[in-house]
């Protein structure tokens, strides 16, 4: 999975939470980066 695909997947998942829409743009971007980093680590452990 490429970085852009992972980012799109993260956004799709995070958009399921109403909390996501209460964040400002900078906070959303930070959350997406953190989500991708955690997801990448989880996949690497497999």
Foldseek 3Di string as FASTA:
>chain_A
DDPVVLLVVLCVVVVVDPVLVVDDPVVNVVVSVVVSVVVVVVVVVD
